[in-house]
Amino acid sequence: MNKFKEIVKEFSDPDTPGNEKRIKKIIKNMNDKEFEELKLQFEKAVANIDQHNQENHSILILNDLIEEFRDE
């Protein structure tokens, strides 16, 4: 499992107390190259969330409009 997935899985698990300490340990043990790659993966993930949120917003609006568009 890559570090990005490992960190997200660890942080997302509500049944695992102290997961922030384990995440800090994972990050501190990364070399510079791994850390730069991790930062890029998070940047891409954030961009995908932004894009996904825009798509969801559009879907919700269109859901309300498709009947109107059909009837026009």
PDB file of N, CA and C in Angstrom:
ATOM      1  N   MET A   1       0.861  -1.174   0.000  1.00  0.00           N
ATOM      2  CA  MET A   1       0.000   0.000   0.000  1.00  0.00           C
ATOM      3  C   MET A   1       0.907   1.237   0.000  1.00  0.00           C
ATOM      4  N   ASN A   2       0.585   2.217  -0.868  1.00  0.00           N
ATOM      5  CA  ASN A   2       1.421   3.409  -0.867  1.00  0.00           C
ATOM      6  C   ASN A   2       1.122   4.259   0.369  1.00  0.00           C
ATOM      7  N   LYS A   3       2.009   5.176   0.650  1.00  0.00           N
ATOM      8  CA  LYS A   3       1.912   5.965   1.886  1.00  0.00           C
ATOM      9  C   LYS A   3       0.642   6.810   1.924  1.00  0.00           C
ATOM     10  N   PHE A   4       0.236   7.356   0.776  1.00  0.00           N
ATOM     11  CA  PHE A   4      -0.981   8.162   0.721  1.00  0.00           C
ATOM     12  C   PHE A   4      -2.180   7.340   1.188  1.00  0.00           C
ATOM     13  N   LYS A   5      -2.345   6.175   0.594  1.00  0.00           N
ATOM     14  CA  LYS A   5      -3.475   5.315   0.961  1.00  0.00           C
ATOM     15  C   LYS A   5      -3.369   4.868   2.418  1.00  0.00           C
ATOM     16  N   GLU A   6      -2.166   4.559   2.846  1.00  0.00           N
ATOM     17  CA  GLU A   6      -1.952   4.120   4.222  1.00  0.00           C
ATOM     18  C   GLU A   6      -2.348   5.224   5.209  1.00  0.00           C
ATOM     19  N   ILE A   7      -1.925   6.448   4.935  1.00  0.00           N
ATOM     20  CA  ILE A   7      -2.227   7.568   5.828  1.00  0.00           C
ATOM     21  C   ILE A   7      -3.718   7.873   5.831  1.00  0.00           C
ATOM     22  N   VAL A   8      -4.333   7.918   4.655  1.00  0.00           N
ATOM     23  CA  VAL A   8      -5.771   8.212   4.578  1.00  0.00           C
ATOM     24  C   VAL A   8      -6.573   7.123   5.281  1.00  0.00           C
ATOM     25  N   LYS A   9      -6.205   5.862   5.055  1.00  0.00           N
ATOM     26  CA  LYS A   9      -6.914   4.750   5.706  1.00  0.00           C
ATOM     27  C   LYS A   9      -6.771   4.847   7.225  1.00  0.00           C
ATOM     28  N   GLU A  10      -5.557   5.104   7.674  1.00  0.00           N
ATOM     29  CA  GLU A  10      -5.282   5.205   9.112  1.00  0.00           C
ATOM     30  C   GLU A  10      -6.093   6.349   9.731  1.00  0.00           C
ATOM     31  N   PHE A  11      -6.083   7.500   9.069  1.00  0.00           N
ATOM     32  CA  PHE A  11      -6.763   8.672   9.606  1.00  0.00           C
ATOM     33  C   PHE A  11      -8.284   8.503   9.567  1.00  0.00           C
ATOM     34  N   SER A  12      -8.785   7.777   8.594  1.00  0.00           N
ATOM     35  CA  SER A  12     -10.227   7.609   8.401  1.00  0.00           C
ATOM     36  C   SER A  12     -10.843   6.573   9.318  1.00  0.00           C
ATOM     37  N   ASP A  13     -10.026   5.783   9.976  1.00  0.00           N
ATOM     38  CA  ASP A  13     -10.543   4.697  10.815  1.00  0.00           C
ATOM     39  C   ASP A  13     -10.916   5.231  12.198  1.00  0.00           C
ATOM     40  N   PRO A  14     -12.217   5.396  12.449  1.00  0.00           N
ATOM     41  CA  PRO A  14     -12.639   5.945  13.745  1.00  0.00           C
ATOM     42  C   PRO A  14     -12.425   4.980  14.908  1.00  0.00           C
ATOM     43  N   ASP A  15     -12.205   3.707  14.604  1.00  0.00           N
ATOM     44  CA  ASP A  15     -12.031   2.708  15.657  1.00  0.00           C
ATOM     45  C   ASP A  15     -10.584   2.587  16.119  1.00  0.00           C
ATOM     46  N   THR A  16      -9.699   3.413  15.561  1.00  0.00           N
ATOM     47  CA  THR A  16      -8.285   3.321  15.897  1.00  0.00           C
ATOM     48  C   THR A  16      -7.859   4.561  16.673  1.00  0.00           C
ATOM     49  N   PRO A  17      -7.842   4.474  17.999  1.00  0.00           N
ATOM     50  CA  PRO A  17      -7.416   5.634  18.786  1.00  0.00           C
ATOM     51  C   PRO A  17      -5.923   5.907  18.592  1.00  0.00           C
ATOM     52  N   GLY A  18      -5.569   7.173  18.643  1.00  0.00           N
ATOM     53  CA  GLY A  18      -4.162   7.542  18.520  1.00  0.00           C
ATOM     54  C   GLY A  18      -3.630   7.493  17.107  1.00  0.00           C
ATOM     55  N   ASN A  19      -4.531   7.515  16.121  1.00  0.00           N
ATOM     56  CA  ASN A  19      -4.057   7.371  14.751  1.00  0.00           C
ATOM     57  C   ASN A  19      -3.211   8.556  14.299  1.00  0.00           C
ATOM     58  N   GLU A  20      -3.393   9.742  14.857  1.00  0.00           N
ATOM     59  CA  GLU A  20      -2.568  10.885  14.469  1.00  0.00           C
ATOM     60  C   GLU A  20      -1.107  10.653  14.831  1.00  0.00           C
ATOM     61  N   LYS A  21      -0.852  10.012  15.957  1.00  0.00           N
ATOM     62  CA  LYS A  21       0.533   9.718  16.345  1.00  0.00           C
ATOM     63  C   LYS A  21       1.181   8.766  15.352  1.00  0.00           C
ATOM     64  N   ARG A  22       0.418   7.766  14.903  1.00  0.00           N
ATOM     65  CA  ARG A  22       0.954   6.817  13.933  1.00  0.00           C
ATOM     66  C   ARG A  22       1.193   7.499  12.583  1.00  0.00           C
ATOM     67  N   ILE A  23       0.305   8.399  12.213  1.00  0.00           N
ATOM     68  CA  ILE A  23       0.474   9.128  10.955  1.00  0.00           C
ATOM     69  C   ILE A  23       1.715  10.019  11.032  1.00  0.00           C
ATOM     70  N   LYS A  24       1.903  10.696  12.148  1.00  0.00           N
ATOM     71  CA  LYS A  24       3.105  11.529  12.316  1.00  0.00           C
ATOM     72  C   LYS A  24       4.358  10.679  12.181  1.00  0.00           C
ATOM     73  N   LYS A  25       4.328   9.477  12.751  1.00  0.00           N
ATOM     74  CA  LYS A  25       5.485   8.584  12.678  1.00  0.00           C
ATOM     75  C   LYS A  25       5.753   8.174  11.225  1.00  0.00           C
ATOM     76  N   ILE A  26       4.689   7.846  10.500  1.00  0.00           N
ATOM     77  CA  ILE A  26       4.838   7.466   9.090  1.00  0.00           C
ATOM     78  C   ILE A  26       5.481   8.618   8.315  1.00  0.00           C
ATOM     79  N   ILE A  27       4.971   9.828   8.533  1.00  0.00           N
ATOM     80  CA  ILE A  27       5.465  10.992   7.794  1.00  0.00           C
ATOM     81  C   ILE A  27       6.912  11.305   8.175  1.00  0.00           C
ATOM     82  N   LYS A  28       7.228  11.239   9.456  1.00  0.00           N
ATOM     83  CA  LYS A  28       8.590  11.539   9.893  1.00  0.00           C
ATOM     84  C   LYS A  28       9.596  10.523   9.369  1.00  0.00           C
ATOM     85  N   ASN A  29       9.157   9.296   9.129  1.00  0.00           N
ATOM     86  CA  ASN A  29      10.054   8.250   8.643  1.00  0.00           C
ATOM     87  C   ASN A  29      10.223   8.261   7.120  1.00  0.00           C
ATOM     88  N   MET A  30       9.510   9.145   6.435  1.00  0.00           N
ATOM     89  CA  MET A  30       9.615   9.223   4.978  1.00  0.00           C
ATOM     90  C   MET A  30      10.874   9.987   4.588  1.00  0.00           C
ATOM     91  N   ASN A  31      11.482   9.572   3.482  1.00  0.00           N
ATOM     92  CA  ASN A  31      12.587  10.373   2.961  1.00  0.00           C
ATOM     93  C   ASN A  31      11.999  11.553   2.181  1.00  0.00           C
ATOM     94  N   ASP A  32      12.852  12.470   1.755  1.00  0.00           N
ATOM     95  CA  ASP A  32      12.381  13.683   1.086  1.00  0.00           C
ATOM     96  C   ASP A  32      11.602  13.381  -0.188  1.00  0.00           C
ATOM     97  N   LYS A  33      12.067  12.418  -0.955  1.00  0.00           N
ATOM     98  CA  LYS A  33      11.393  12.067  -2.210  1.00  0.00           C
ATOM     99  C   LYS A  33       9.995  11.515  -1.927  1.00  0.00           C
ATOM    100  N   GLU A  34       9.881  10.632  -0.956  1.00  0.00           N
ATOM    101  CA  GLU A  34       8.575  10.069  -0.592  1.00  0.00           C
ATOM    102  C   GLU A  34       7.632  11.166  -0.110  1.00  0.00           C
ATOM    103  N   PHE A  35       8.173  12.103   0.678  1.00  0.00           N
ATOM    104  CA  PHE A  35       7.343  13.168   1.208  1.00  0.00           C
ATOM    105  C   PHE A  35       6.854  14.088   0.091  1.00  0.00           C
ATOM    106  N   GLU A  36       7.707  14.417  -0.859  1.00  0.00           N
ATOM    107  CA  GLU A  36       7.295  15.257  -1.988  1.00  0.00           C
ATOM    108  C   GLU A  36       6.221  14.555  -2.811  1.00  0.00           C
ATOM    109  N   GLU A  37       6.373  13.245  -2.994  1.00  0.00           N
ATOM    110  CA  GLU A  37       5.360  12.471  -3.711  1.00  0.00           C
ATOM    111  C   GLU A  37       4.038  12.474  -2.940  1.00  0.00           C
ATOM    112  N   LEU A  38       4.118  12.341  -1.628  1.00  0.00           N
ATOM    113  CA  LEU A  38       2.916  12.374  -0.798  1.00  0.00           C
ATOM    114  C   LEU A  38       2.200  13.716  -0.936  1.00  0.00           C
ATOM    115  N   LYS A  39       2.957  14.804  -0.898  1.00  0.00           N
ATOM    116  CA  LYS A  39       2.351  16.127  -1.047  1.00  0.00           C
ATOM    117  C   LYS A  39       1.645  16.258  -2.397  1.00  0.00           C
ATOM    118  N   LEU A  40       2.267  15.745  -3.455  1.00  0.00           N
ATOM    119  CA  LEU A  40       1.639  15.789  -4.777  1.00  0.00           C
ATOM    120  C   LEU A  40       0.344  14.975  -4.812  1.00  0.00           C
ATOM    121  N   GLN A  41       0.377  13.819  -4.169  1.00  0.00           N
ATOM    122  CA  GLN A  41      -0.831  12.984  -4.138  1.00  0.00           C
ATOM    123  C   GLN A  41      -1.968  13.694  -3.400  1.00  0.00           C
ATOM    124  N   PHE A  42      -1.641  14.386  -2.316  1.00  0.00           N
ATOM    125  CA  PHE A  42      -2.682  15.121  -1.597  1.00  0.00           C
ATOM    126  C   PHE A  42      -3.190  16.299  -2.424  1.00  0.00           C
ATOM    127  N   GLU A  43      -2.294  16.979  -3.133  1.00  0.00           N
ATOM    128  CA  GLU A  43      -2.726  18.082  -3.993  1.00  0.00           C
ATOM    129  C   GLU A  43      -3.681  17.583  -5.070  1.00  0.00           C
ATOM    130  N   LYS A  44      -3.358  16.440  -5.680  1.00  0.00           N
ATOM    131  CA  LYS A  44      -4.233  15.852  -6.701  1.00  0.00           C
ATOM    132  C   LYS A  44      -5.576  15.453  -6.091  1.00  0.00           C
ATOM    133  N   ALA A  45      -5.534  14.879  -4.894  1.00  0.00           N
ATOM    134  CA  ALA A  45      -6.769  14.453  -4.232  1.00  0.00           C
ATOM    135  C   ALA A  45      -7.656  15.655  -3.927  1.00  0.00           C
ATOM    136  N   VAL A  46      -7.053  16.743  -3.479  1.00  0.00           N
ATOM    137  CA  VAL A  46      -7.828  17.958  -3.187  1.00  0.00           C
ATOM    138  C   VAL A  46      -8.430  18.504  -4.477  1.00  0.00           C
ATOM    139  N   ALA A  47      -7.666  18.518  -5.550  1.00  0.00           N
ATOM    140  CA  ALA A  47      -8.182  18.987  -6.833  1.00  0.00           C
ATOM    141  C   ALA A  47      -9.351  18.126  -7.290  1.00  0.00           C
ATOM    142  N   ASN A  48      -9.246  16.816  -7.085  1.00  0.00           N
ATOM    143  CA  ASN A  48     -10.345  15.915  -7.452  1.00  0.00           C
ATOM    144  C   ASN A  48     -11.583  16.165  -6.612  1.00  0.00           C
ATOM    145  N   ILE A  49     -11.383  16.496  -5.346  1.00  0.00           N
ATOM    146  CA  ILE A  49     -12.531  16.815  -4.481  1.00  0.00           C
ATOM    147  C   ILE A  49     -13.214  18.063  -4.993  1.00  0.00           C
ATOM    148  N   ASP A  50     -12.418  19.090  -5.318  1.00  0.00           N
ATOM    149  CA  ASP A  50     -12.999  20.317  -5.847  1.00  0.00           C
ATOM    150  C   ASP A  50     -13.787  20.043  -7.114  1.00  0.00           C
ATOM    151  N   GLN A  51     -13.202  19.257  -8.017  1.00  0.00           N
ATOM    152  CA  GLN A  51     -13.870  18.916  -9.266  1.00  0.00           C
ATOM    153  C   GLN A  51     -15.125  18.095  -8.984  1.00  0.00           C
ATOM    154  N   HIS A  52     -15.004  17.134  -8.088  1.00  0.00           N
ATOM    155  CA  HIS A  52     -16.133  16.271  -7.753  1.00  0.00           C
ATOM    156  C   HIS A  52     -17.263  17.084  -7.130  1.00  0.00           C
ATOM    157  N   ASN A  53     -16.914  18.032  -6.253  1.00  0.00           N
ATOM    158  CA  ASN A  53     -17.941  18.858  -5.635  1.00  0.00           C
ATOM    159  C   ASN A  53     -18.670  19.691  -6.680  1.00  0.00           C
ATOM    160  N   GLN A  54     -17.929  20.219  -7.662  1.00  0.00           N
ATOM    161  CA  GLN A  54     -18.566  20.982  -8.734  1.00  0.00           C
ATOM    162  C   GLN A  54     -19.497  20.090  -9.532  1.00  0.00           C
ATOM    163  N   GLU A  55     -19.056  18.870  -9.823  1.00  0.00           N
ATOM    164  CA  GLU A  55     -19.904  17.934 -10.562  1.00  0.00           C
ATOM    165  C   GLU A  55     -21.149  17.591  -9.750  1.00  0.00           C
ATOM    166  N   ASN A  56     -20.998  17.351  -8.459  1.00  0.00           N
ATOM    167  CA  ASN A  56     -22.156  17.050  -7.617  1.00  0.00           C
ATOM    168  C   ASN A  56     -23.140  18.212  -7.616  1.00  0.00           C
ATOM    169  N   HIS A  57     -22.612  19.421  -7.514  1.00  0.00           N
ATOM    170  CA  HIS A  57     -23.467  20.613  -7.526  1.00  0.00           C
ATOM    171  C   HIS A  57     -24.238  20.682  -8.842  1.00  0.00           C
ATOM    172  N   SER A  58     -23.546  20.437  -9.941  1.00  0.00           N
ATOM    173  CA  SER A  58     -24.192  20.463 -11.251  1.00  0.00           C
ATOM    174  C   SER A  58     -25.259  19.384 -11.355  1.00  0.00           C
ATOM    175  N   ILE A  59     -24.960  18.205 -10.847  1.00  0.00           N
ATOM    176  CA  ILE A  59     -25.930  17.101 -10.890  1.00  0.00           C
ATOM    177  C   ILE A  59     -27.181  17.461 -10.103  1.00  0.00           C
ATOM    178  N   LEU A  60     -27.012  18.053  -8.932  1.00  0.00           N
ATOM    179  CA  LEU A  60     -28.176  18.440  -8.123  1.00  0.00           C
ATOM    180  C   LEU A  60     -29.030  19.486  -8.845  1.00  0.00           C
ATOM    181  N   ILE A  61     -28.382  20.447  -9.452  1.00  0.00           N
ATOM    182  CA  ILE A  61     -29.125  21.475 -10.193  1.00  0.00           C
ATOM    183  C   ILE A  61     -29.834  20.854 -11.391  1.00  0.00           C
ATOM    184  N   LEU A  62     -29.085  20.052 -12.147  1.00  0.00           N
ATOM    185  CA  LEU A  62     -29.681  19.429 -13.326  1.00  0.00           C
ATOM    186  C   LEU A  62     -30.811  18.480 -12.965  1.00  0.00           C
ATOM    187  N   ASN A  63     -30.704  17.819 -11.844  1.00  0.00           N
ATOM    188  CA  ASN A  63     -31.771  16.925 -11.395  1.00  0.00           C
ATOM    189  C   ASN A  63     -33.084  17.686 -11.274  1.00  0.00           C
ATOM    190  N   ASP A  64     -32.998  18.921 -10.801  1.00  0.00           N
ATOM    191  CA  ASP A  64     -34.200  19.741 -10.665  1.00  0.00           C
ATOM    192  C   ASP A  64     -34.675  20.300 -12.005  1.00  0.00           C
ATOM    193  N   LEU A  65     -33.776  20.394 -12.982  1.00  0.00           N
ATOM    194  CA  LEU A  65     -34.105  21.045 -14.239  1.00  0.00           C
ATOM    195  C   LEU A  65     -34.481  20.104 -15.371  1.00  0.00           C
ATOM    196  N   ILE A  66     -34.141  18.837 -15.279  1.00  0.00           N
ATOM    197  CA  ILE A  66     -34.348  17.964 -16.441  1.00  0.00           C
ATOM    198  C   ILE A  66     -35.812  17.871 -16.847  1.00  0.00           C
ATOM    199  N   GLU A  67     -36.704  17.845 -15.890  1.00  0.00           N
ATOM    200  CA  GLU A  67     -38.142  17.798 -16.238  1.00  0.00           C
ATOM    201  C   GLU A  67     -38.550  19.085 -16.952  1.00  0.00           C
ATOM    202  N   GLU A  68     -38.054  20.226 -16.444  1.00  0.00           N
ATOM    203  CA  GLU A  68     -38.369  21.501 -17.097  1.00  0.00           C
ATOM    204  C   GLU A  68     -37.825  21.527 -18.514  1.00  0.00           C
ATOM    205  N   PHE A  69     -36.588  21.060 -18.691  1.00  0.00           N
ATOM    206  CA  PHE A  69     -35.985  21.057 -20.013  1.00  0.00           C
ATOM    207  C   PHE A  69     -36.759  20.159 -20.960  1.00  0.00           C
ATOM    208  N   ARG A  70     -37.238  19.063 -20.452  1.00  0.00           N
ATOM    209  CA  ARG A  70     -37.982  18.097 -21.278  1.00  0.00           C
ATOM    210  C   ARG A  70     -39.310  18.691 -21.719  1.00  0.00           C
ATOM    211  N   ASP A  71     -39.939  19.443 -20.812  1.00  0.00           N
ATOM    212  CA  ASP A  71     -41.258  19.998 -21.097  1.00  0.00           C
ATOM    213  C   ASP A  71     -41.204  21.228 -22.005  1.00  0.00           C
ATOM    214  N   GLU A  72     -40.050  21.863 -22.133  1.00  0.00           N
ATOM    215  CA  GLU A  72     -39.968  23.081 -22.961  1.00  0.00           C
ATOM    216  C   GLU A  72     -39.998  22.777 -24.429  1.00  0.00           C
TER     217      GLU A  72
END
